[in-house]
Amino acid sequence: MSTKPYRNSRLAQFVTKRVLELKSRKTQAQIAAEAGFPNPNMISMIKGGASKLALDRVPSLAMALECDPARLFLMALEQIENPTTANAIQRIFRTTVTENEGDWLRAIREASENTDPPLTGRARSAVRGIFGK
């Protein structure tokens, strides 16, 4: 068994990138402390793929990394080794919505006066048009 089973995970790559992006404002040790990790080396272990991110640590690490917790949660969910647990979470919550996606949903609900409109072909085309598709 590999000592770095999560080395190629999206989460390891994302944390590595965010730590680099925040380097001018805070150290990796500061990020670990802000996230509440008792071991400052935990960030290195996540980046290197030696450790996965526990789901209960997602909110605090997201705050420390200044990123969307839903996005980080999805990446942490990919690391769950028990597919039954991951599938149950996905079935219960259907999809995790990022803060930006939540803004879109609120705008749709506001525009539709909370009527829960179906996604028609025309509406789908309109949304795709916004993104130049």
N, C-alpha and C. Protein backbone atom coordinates (compact mmCIF):
# COMPACT_ATOMS: atom_id res chain seq x y z
N MET A 1 0.84 -1.20 0.00
CA MET A 1 0.00 0.00 0.00
C MET A 1 0.88 1.25 0.00
N SER A 2 0.52 2.23 -0.78
CA SER A 2 1.27 3.47 -0.91
C SER A 2 1.21 4.28 0.38
N THR A 3 2.31 4.94 0.71
CA THR A 3 2.31 5.82 1.88
C THR A 3 1.72 7.18 1.54
N LYS A 4 1.43 7.38 0.26
CA LYS A 4 0.84 8.64 -0.20
C LYS A 4 -0.34 8.33 -1.11
N PRO A 5 -1.41 7.73 -0.56
CA PRO A 5 -2.53 7.29 -1.40
C PRO A 5 -3.34 8.43 -2.02
N TYR A 6 -3.19 9.64 -1.50
CA TYR A 6 -3.98 10.77 -2.01
C TYR A 6 -3.13 11.75 -2.81
N ARG A 7 -1.92 11.31 -3.18
CA ARG A 7 -0.95 12.18 -3.86
C ARG A 7 -1.53 12.85 -5.10
N ASN A 8 -2.29 12.12 -5.90
CA ASN A 8 -2.81 12.67 -7.15
C ASN A 8 -4.25 13.18 -7.03
N SER A 9 -4.72 13.35 -5.83
CA SER A 9 -6.11 13.79 -5.65
C SER A 9 -6.26 15.27 -6.00
N ARG A 10 -7.47 15.61 -6.38
CA ARG A 10 -7.76 17.03 -6.67
C ARG A 10 -7.53 17.87 -5.42
N LEU A 11 -7.84 17.32 -4.24
CA LEU A 11 -7.69 18.07 -3.01
C LEU A 11 -6.22 18.39 -2.74
N ALA A 12 -5.33 17.41 -2.90
CA ALA A 12 -3.90 17.65 -2.69
C ALA A 12 -3.40 18.74 -3.63
N GLN A 13 -3.81 18.67 -4.88
CA GLN A 13 -3.40 19.68 -5.86
C GLN A 13 -3.96 21.06 -5.51
N PHE A 14 -5.23 21.09 -5.09
CA PHE A 14 -5.86 22.36 -4.75
C PHE A 14 -5.20 23.01 -3.53
N VAL A 15 -4.96 22.22 -2.47
CA VAL A 15 -4.34 22.77 -1.27
C VAL A 15 -2.94 23.28 -1.59
N THR A 16 -2.21 22.54 -2.39
CA THR A 16 -0.87 22.98 -2.81
C THR A 16 -0.95 24.34 -3.51
N LYS A 17 -1.89 24.47 -4.42
CA LYS A 17 -2.05 25.72 -5.16
C LYS A 17 -2.46 26.87 -4.25
N ARG A 18 -3.42 26.63 -3.34
CA ARG A 18 -3.89 27.70 -2.45
C ARG A 18 -2.79 28.16 -1.50
N VAL A 19 -2.01 27.22 -0.98
CA VAL A 19 -0.92 27.60 -0.08
C VAL A 19 0.07 28.50 -0.82
N LEU A 20 0.36 28.17 -2.07
CA LEU A 20 1.25 29.01 -2.88
C LEU A 20 0.63 30.39 -3.11
N GLU A 21 -0.66 30.42 -3.41
CA GLU A 21 -1.34 31.70 -3.67
C GLU A 21 -1.38 32.58 -2.43
N LEU A 22 -1.41 31.99 -1.25
CA LEU A 22 -1.50 32.76 0.00
C LEU A 22 -0.13 33.04 0.61
N LYS A 23 0.92 32.53 -0.02
CA LYS A 23 2.27 32.59 0.53
C LYS A 23 2.72 34.01 0.92
N SER A 24 2.29 35.00 0.19
CA SER A 24 2.71 36.38 0.48
C SER A 24 2.02 36.94 1.74
N ARG A 25 0.95 36.27 2.19
CA ARG A 25 0.20 36.79 3.35
C ARG A 25 0.26 35.91 4.58
N LYS A 26 0.47 34.60 4.39
CA LYS A 26 0.55 33.71 5.55
C LYS A 26 1.34 32.46 5.23
N THR A 27 1.98 31.95 6.28
CA THR A 27 2.79 30.75 6.11
C THR A 27 1.90 29.50 6.17
N GLN A 28 2.48 28.41 5.77
CA GLN A 28 1.78 27.13 5.84
C GLN A 28 1.47 26.80 7.31
N ALA A 29 2.39 27.13 8.21
CA ALA A 29 2.16 26.89 9.64
C ALA A 29 0.99 27.74 10.15
N GLN A 30 0.89 28.97 9.66
CA GLN A 30 -0.24 29.82 10.05
C GLN A 30 -1.55 29.25 9.53
N ILE A 31 -1.54 28.74 8.32
CA ILE A 31 -2.74 28.12 7.76
C ILE A 31 -3.15 26.93 8.61
N ALA A 32 -2.20 26.10 8.98
CA ALA A 32 -2.49 24.94 9.82
C ALA A 32 -3.07 25.37 11.16
N ALA A 33 -2.49 26.40 11.75
CA ALA A 33 -2.99 26.90 13.04
C ALA A 33 -4.40 27.47 12.90
N GLU A 34 -4.64 28.25 11.85
CA GLU A 34 -5.97 28.81 11.61
C GLU A 34 -7.01 27.70 11.40
N ALA A 35 -6.57 26.61 10.78
CA ALA A 35 -7.48 25.49 10.52
C ALA A 35 -7.69 24.64 11.78
N GLY A 36 -6.91 24.90 12.82
CA GLY A 36 -7.06 24.16 14.07
C GLY A 36 -6.34 22.82 14.10
N PHE A 37 -5.38 22.63 13.22
CA PHE A 37 -4.61 21.39 13.23
C PHE A 37 -3.57 21.46 14.34
N PRO A 38 -3.55 20.49 15.24
CA PRO A 38 -2.55 20.52 16.31
C PRO A 38 -1.14 20.30 15.78
N ASN A 39 -1.02 19.60 14.65
CA ASN A 39 0.27 19.34 14.03
C ASN A 39 0.41 20.28 12.82
N PRO A 40 1.35 21.23 12.88
CA PRO A 40 1.49 22.16 11.74
C PRO A 40 1.91 21.46 10.45
N ASN A 41 2.41 20.23 10.55
CA ASN A 41 2.83 19.47 9.39
C ASN A 41 1.64 18.87 8.63
N MET A 42 0.43 18.99 9.18
CA MET A 42 -0.74 18.38 8.54
C MET A 42 -0.97 18.93 7.14
N ILE A 43 -0.72 20.19 6.93
CA ILE A 43 -0.90 20.77 5.59
C ILE A 43 0.06 20.11 4.61
N SER A 44 1.30 19.89 5.03
CA SER A 44 2.27 19.20 4.17
C SER A 44 1.80 17.78 3.86
N MET A 45 1.22 17.12 4.84
CA MET A 45 0.75 15.75 4.66
C MET A 45 -0.42 15.71 3.67
N ILE A 46 -1.29 16.70 3.73
CA ILE A 46 -2.42 16.78 2.79
C ILE A 46 -1.90 17.10 1.39
N LYS A 47 -1.01 18.09 1.29
CA LYS A 47 -0.44 18.46 -0.01
C LYS A 47 0.29 17.30 -0.65
N GLY A 48 1.04 16.55 0.14
CA GLY A 48 1.83 15.46 -0.38
C GLY A 48 1.05 14.19 -0.63
N GLY A 49 -0.19 14.16 -0.14
CA GLY A 49 -1.03 12.99 -0.36
C GLY A 49 -0.89 11.90 0.68
N ALA A 50 -0.16 12.16 1.75
CA ALA A 50 0.01 11.17 2.80
C ALA A 50 -1.22 11.09 3.70
N SER A 51 -2.01 12.15 3.73
CA SER A 51 -3.19 12.18 4.58
C SER A 51 -4.36 12.78 3.83
N LYS A 52 -5.55 12.27 4.14
CA LYS A 52 -6.75 12.85 3.56
C LYS A 52 -7.28 13.91 4.52
N LEU A 53 -8.20 14.69 4.04
CA LEU A 53 -8.83 15.73 4.85
C LEU A 53 -10.11 15.17 5.44
N ALA A 54 -10.19 15.15 6.76
CA ALA A 54 -11.41 14.70 7.43
C ALA A 54 -12.53 15.70 7.13
N LEU A 55 -13.72 15.18 6.90
CA LEU A 55 -14.84 16.05 6.52
C LEU A 55 -15.15 17.09 7.59
N ASP A 56 -14.95 16.76 8.85
CA ASP A 56 -15.24 17.74 9.90
C ASP A 56 -14.21 18.86 9.96
N ARG A 57 -13.12 18.73 9.24
CA ARG A 57 -12.09 19.77 9.17
C ARG A 57 -12.28 20.70 7.97
N VAL A 58 -13.21 20.37 7.10
CA VAL A 58 -13.41 21.17 5.89
C VAL A 58 -13.72 22.63 6.21
N PRO A 59 -14.70 22.95 7.08
CA PRO A 59 -15.01 24.38 7.29
C PRO A 59 -13.82 25.20 7.78
N SER A 60 -13.07 24.67 8.75
CA SER A 60 -11.96 25.45 9.28
C SER A 60 -10.81 25.58 8.27
N LEU A 61 -10.54 24.51 7.52
CA LEU A 61 -9.48 24.62 6.50
C LEU A 61 -9.91 25.55 5.37
N ALA A 62 -11.17 25.50 4.99
CA ALA A 62 -11.66 26.40 3.94
C ALA A 62 -11.48 27.85 4.37
N MET A 63 -11.78 28.13 5.64
CA MET A 63 -11.61 29.50 6.13
C MET A 63 -10.14 29.90 6.10
N ALA A 64 -9.27 28.99 6.52
CA ALA A 64 -7.84 29.29 6.54
C ALA A 64 -7.29 29.46 5.12
N LEU A 65 -7.82 28.66 4.18
CA LEU A 65 -7.36 28.75 2.79
C LEU A 65 -8.10 29.82 1.99
N GLU A 66 -9.09 30.45 2.64
CA GLU A 66 -9.89 31.50 2.00
C GLU A 66 -10.51 30.98 0.71
N CYS A 67 -11.19 29.84 0.84
CA CYS A 67 -11.84 29.25 -0.32
C CYS A 67 -13.25 28.82 0.05
N ASP A 68 -14.00 28.42 -0.94
CA ASP A 68 -15.38 28.01 -0.73
C ASP A 68 -15.42 26.65 -0.03
N PRO A 69 -16.09 26.55 1.12
CA PRO A 69 -16.12 25.27 1.84
C PRO A 69 -16.83 24.16 1.06
N ALA A 70 -17.82 24.48 0.27
CA ALA A 70 -18.52 23.44 -0.50
C ALA A 70 -17.59 22.83 -1.53
N ARG A 71 -16.80 23.67 -2.16
CA ARG A 71 -15.84 23.17 -3.15
C ARG A 71 -14.81 22.26 -2.49
N LEU A 72 -14.30 22.67 -1.33
CA LEU A 72 -13.33 21.87 -0.60
C LEU A 72 -13.97 20.56 -0.12
N PHE A 73 -15.24 20.64 0.30
CA PHE A 73 -15.97 19.45 0.74
C PHE A 73 -16.06 18.42 -0.38
N LEU A 74 -16.39 18.86 -1.57
CA LEU A 74 -16.49 17.94 -2.70
C LEU A 74 -15.17 17.22 -2.95
N MET A 75 -14.07 17.94 -2.84
CA MET A 75 -12.76 17.32 -3.05
C MET A 75 -12.43 16.35 -1.91
N ALA A 76 -12.79 16.72 -0.69
CA ALA A 76 -12.56 15.82 0.46
C ALA A 76 -13.43 14.58 0.33
N LEU A 77 -14.63 14.74 -0.17
CA LEU A 77 -15.54 13.62 -0.36
C LEU A 77 -14.95 12.60 -1.34
N GLU A 78 -14.23 13.08 -2.33
CA GLU A 78 -13.60 12.18 -3.30
C GLU A 78 -12.56 11.27 -2.63
N GLN A 79 -12.05 11.68 -1.47
CA GLN A 79 -11.02 10.91 -0.79
C GLN A 79 -11.58 9.83 0.13
N ILE A 80 -12.88 9.82 0.33
CA ILE A 80 -13.47 8.81 1.21
C ILE A 80 -13.28 7.44 0.58
N GLU A 81 -12.70 6.56 1.36
CA GLU A 81 -12.39 5.23 0.84
C GLU A 81 -13.59 4.30 0.86
N ASN A 82 -14.61 4.66 1.62
CA ASN A 82 -15.80 3.84 1.70
C ASN A 82 -16.82 4.39 0.71
N PRO A 83 -17.00 3.75 -0.44
CA PRO A 83 -17.91 4.28 -1.45
C PRO A 83 -19.36 4.35 -0.97
N THR A 84 -19.73 3.51 -0.02
CA THR A 84 -21.09 3.55 0.52
C THR A 84 -21.34 4.88 1.22
N THR A 85 -20.38 5.32 2.00
CA THR A 85 -20.51 6.61 2.71
C THR A 85 -20.57 7.76 1.72
N ALA A 86 -19.65 7.77 0.77
CA ALA A 86 -19.63 8.85 -0.23
C ALA A 86 -20.93 8.87 -1.02
N ASN A 87 -21.42 7.70 -1.42
CA ASN A 87 -22.68 7.62 -2.18
C ASN A 87 -23.86 8.10 -1.34
N ALA A 88 -23.88 7.75 -0.06
CA ALA A 88 -24.97 8.19 0.81
C ALA A 88 -24.99 9.71 0.93
N ILE A 89 -23.83 10.30 1.11
CA ILE A 89 -23.75 11.76 1.22
C ILE A 89 -24.24 12.41 -0.07
N GLN A 90 -23.81 11.87 -1.20
CA GLN A 90 -24.23 12.44 -2.48
C GLN A 90 -25.72 12.24 -2.73
N ARG A 91 -26.27 11.10 -2.32
CA ARG A 91 -27.71 10.87 -2.50
C ARG A 91 -28.53 11.81 -1.62
N ILE A 92 -28.09 11.99 -0.39
CA ILE A 92 -28.83 12.84 0.55
C ILE A 92 -28.81 14.30 0.11
N PHE A 93 -27.64 14.78 -0.25
CA PHE A 93 -27.51 16.19 -0.58
C PHE A 93 -27.58 16.48 -2.07
N ARG A 94 -27.73 15.46 -2.89
CA ARG A 94 -27.82 15.54 -4.34
C ARG A 94 -26.60 16.20 -4.94
N THR A 95 -26.38 17.42 -4.65
CA THR A 95 -25.20 18.11 -5.13
C THR A 95 -24.83 19.18 -4.11
N THR A 96 -23.56 19.40 -3.95
CA THR A 96 -23.09 20.44 -3.05
C THR A 96 -22.99 21.71 -3.87
N VAL A 97 -23.48 22.78 -3.31
CA VAL A 97 -23.54 24.05 -4.02
C VAL A 97 -22.51 25.01 -3.44
N THR A 98 -21.70 25.57 -4.32
CA THR A 98 -20.72 26.56 -3.87
C THR A 98 -21.45 27.87 -3.56
N GLU A 99 -20.73 28.78 -2.94
CA GLU A 99 -21.32 30.08 -2.61
C GLU A 99 -21.77 30.81 -3.87
N ASN A 100 -20.95 30.76 -4.91
CA ASN A 100 -21.32 31.42 -6.17
C ASN A 100 -22.56 30.77 -6.79
N GLU A 101 -22.61 29.43 -6.77
CA GLU A 101 -23.78 28.74 -7.32
C GLU A 101 -25.03 29.07 -6.49
N GLY A 102 -24.84 29.22 -5.19
CA GLY A 102 -25.96 29.62 -4.33
C GLY A 102 -26.51 30.98 -4.72
N ASP A 103 -25.61 31.89 -5.11
CA ASP A 103 -26.05 33.21 -5.58
C ASP A 103 -26.92 33.06 -6.83
N TRP A 104 -26.50 32.17 -7.75
CA TRP A 104 -27.30 31.91 -8.96
C TRP A 104 -28.68 31.38 -8.58
N LEU A 105 -28.72 30.42 -7.67
CA LEU A 105 -30.01 29.85 -7.25
C LEU A 105 -30.91 30.90 -6.63
N ARG A 106 -30.34 31.75 -5.78
CA ARG A 106 -31.14 32.83 -5.17
C ARG A 106 -31.69 33.77 -6.24
N ALA A 107 -30.89 34.08 -7.25
CA ALA A 107 -31.35 34.96 -8.33
C ALA A 107 -32.48 34.29 -9.11
N ILE A 108 -32.37 33.01 -9.38
CA ILE A 108 -33.43 32.28 -10.09
C ILE A 108 -34.71 32.26 -9.25
N ARG A 109 -34.57 32.00 -7.97
CA ARG A 109 -35.75 31.96 -7.10
C ARG A 109 -36.41 33.33 -7.01
N GLU A 110 -35.59 34.36 -6.95
CA GLU A 110 -36.12 35.71 -6.90
C GLU A 110 -36.86 36.05 -8.20
N ALA A 111 -36.21 35.77 -9.34
CA ALA A 111 -36.80 36.08 -10.64
C ALA A 111 -38.08 35.29 -10.89
N SER A 112 -38.14 34.06 -10.38
CA SER A 112 -39.32 33.22 -10.62
C SER A 112 -40.36 33.36 -9.51
N GLU A 113 -40.06 34.24 -8.56
CA GLU A 113 -40.93 34.43 -7.39
C GLU A 113 -41.17 33.10 -6.68
N ASN A 114 -40.10 32.33 -6.58
CA ASN A 114 -40.10 31.05 -5.86
C ASN A 114 -41.14 30.06 -6.38
N THR A 115 -41.34 30.05 -7.69
CA THR A 115 -42.35 29.15 -8.27
C THR A 115 -41.77 27.79 -8.65
N ASP A 116 -40.48 27.57 -8.46
CA ASP A 116 -39.82 26.30 -8.79
C ASP A 116 -40.05 25.92 -10.25
N PRO A 117 -39.61 26.78 -11.18
CA PRO A 117 -39.85 26.50 -12.60
C PRO A 117 -38.99 25.35 -13.10
N PRO A 118 -39.51 24.55 -14.04
CA PRO A 118 -38.70 23.48 -14.62
C PRO A 118 -37.64 24.08 -15.55
N LEU A 119 -36.57 23.34 -15.75
CA LEU A 119 -35.53 23.79 -16.67
C LEU A 119 -35.95 23.39 -18.07
N THR A 120 -36.46 24.33 -18.81
CA THR A 120 -36.90 24.08 -20.18
C THR A 120 -35.71 24.18 -21.13
N GLY A 121 -35.90 23.75 -22.34
CA GLY A 121 -34.86 23.87 -23.35
C GLY A 121 -34.48 25.31 -23.59
N ARG A 122 -35.48 26.17 -23.58
CA ARG A 122 -35.24 27.60 -23.79
C ARG A 122 -34.42 28.19 -22.64
N ALA A 123 -34.78 27.82 -21.41
CA ALA A 123 -34.04 28.33 -20.25
C ALA A 123 -32.60 27.80 -20.27
N ARG A 124 -32.43 26.53 -20.60
CA ARG A 124 -31.09 25.95 -20.69
C ARG A 124 -30.26 26.69 -21.73
N SER A 125 -30.87 26.98 -22.89
CA SER A 125 -30.17 27.73 -23.94
C SER A 125 -29.78 29.11 -23.47
N ALA A 126 -30.67 29.76 -22.70
CA ALA A 126 -30.38 31.09 -22.19
C ALA A 126 -29.17 31.06 -21.25
N VAL A 127 -29.14 30.08 -20.37
CA VAL A 127 -28.01 29.96 -19.45
C VAL A 127 -26.73 29.67 -20.22
N ARG A 128 -26.79 28.77 -21.16
CA ARG A 128 -25.60 28.45 -21.96
C ARG A 128 -25.15 29.69 -22.74
N GLY A 129 -26.11 30.49 -23.21
CA GLY A 129 -25.78 31.72 -23.93
C GLY A 129 -25.00 32.71 -23.06
N ILE A 130 -25.33 32.76 -21.79
CA ILE A 130 -24.62 33.65 -20.86
C ILE A 130 -23.13 33.32 -20.86
N PHE A 131 -22.83 32.02 -21.00
CA PHE A 131 -21.44 31.57 -20.96
C PHE A 131 -20.85 31.37 -22.36
N GLY A 132 -21.56 31.88 -23.36
CA GLY A 132 -21.04 31.82 -24.72
C GLY A 132 -21.00 30.42 -25.31
N LYS A 133 -21.89 29.56 -24.88
CA LYS A 133 -21.92 28.17 -25.37
C LYS A 133 -23.02 27.99 -26.39
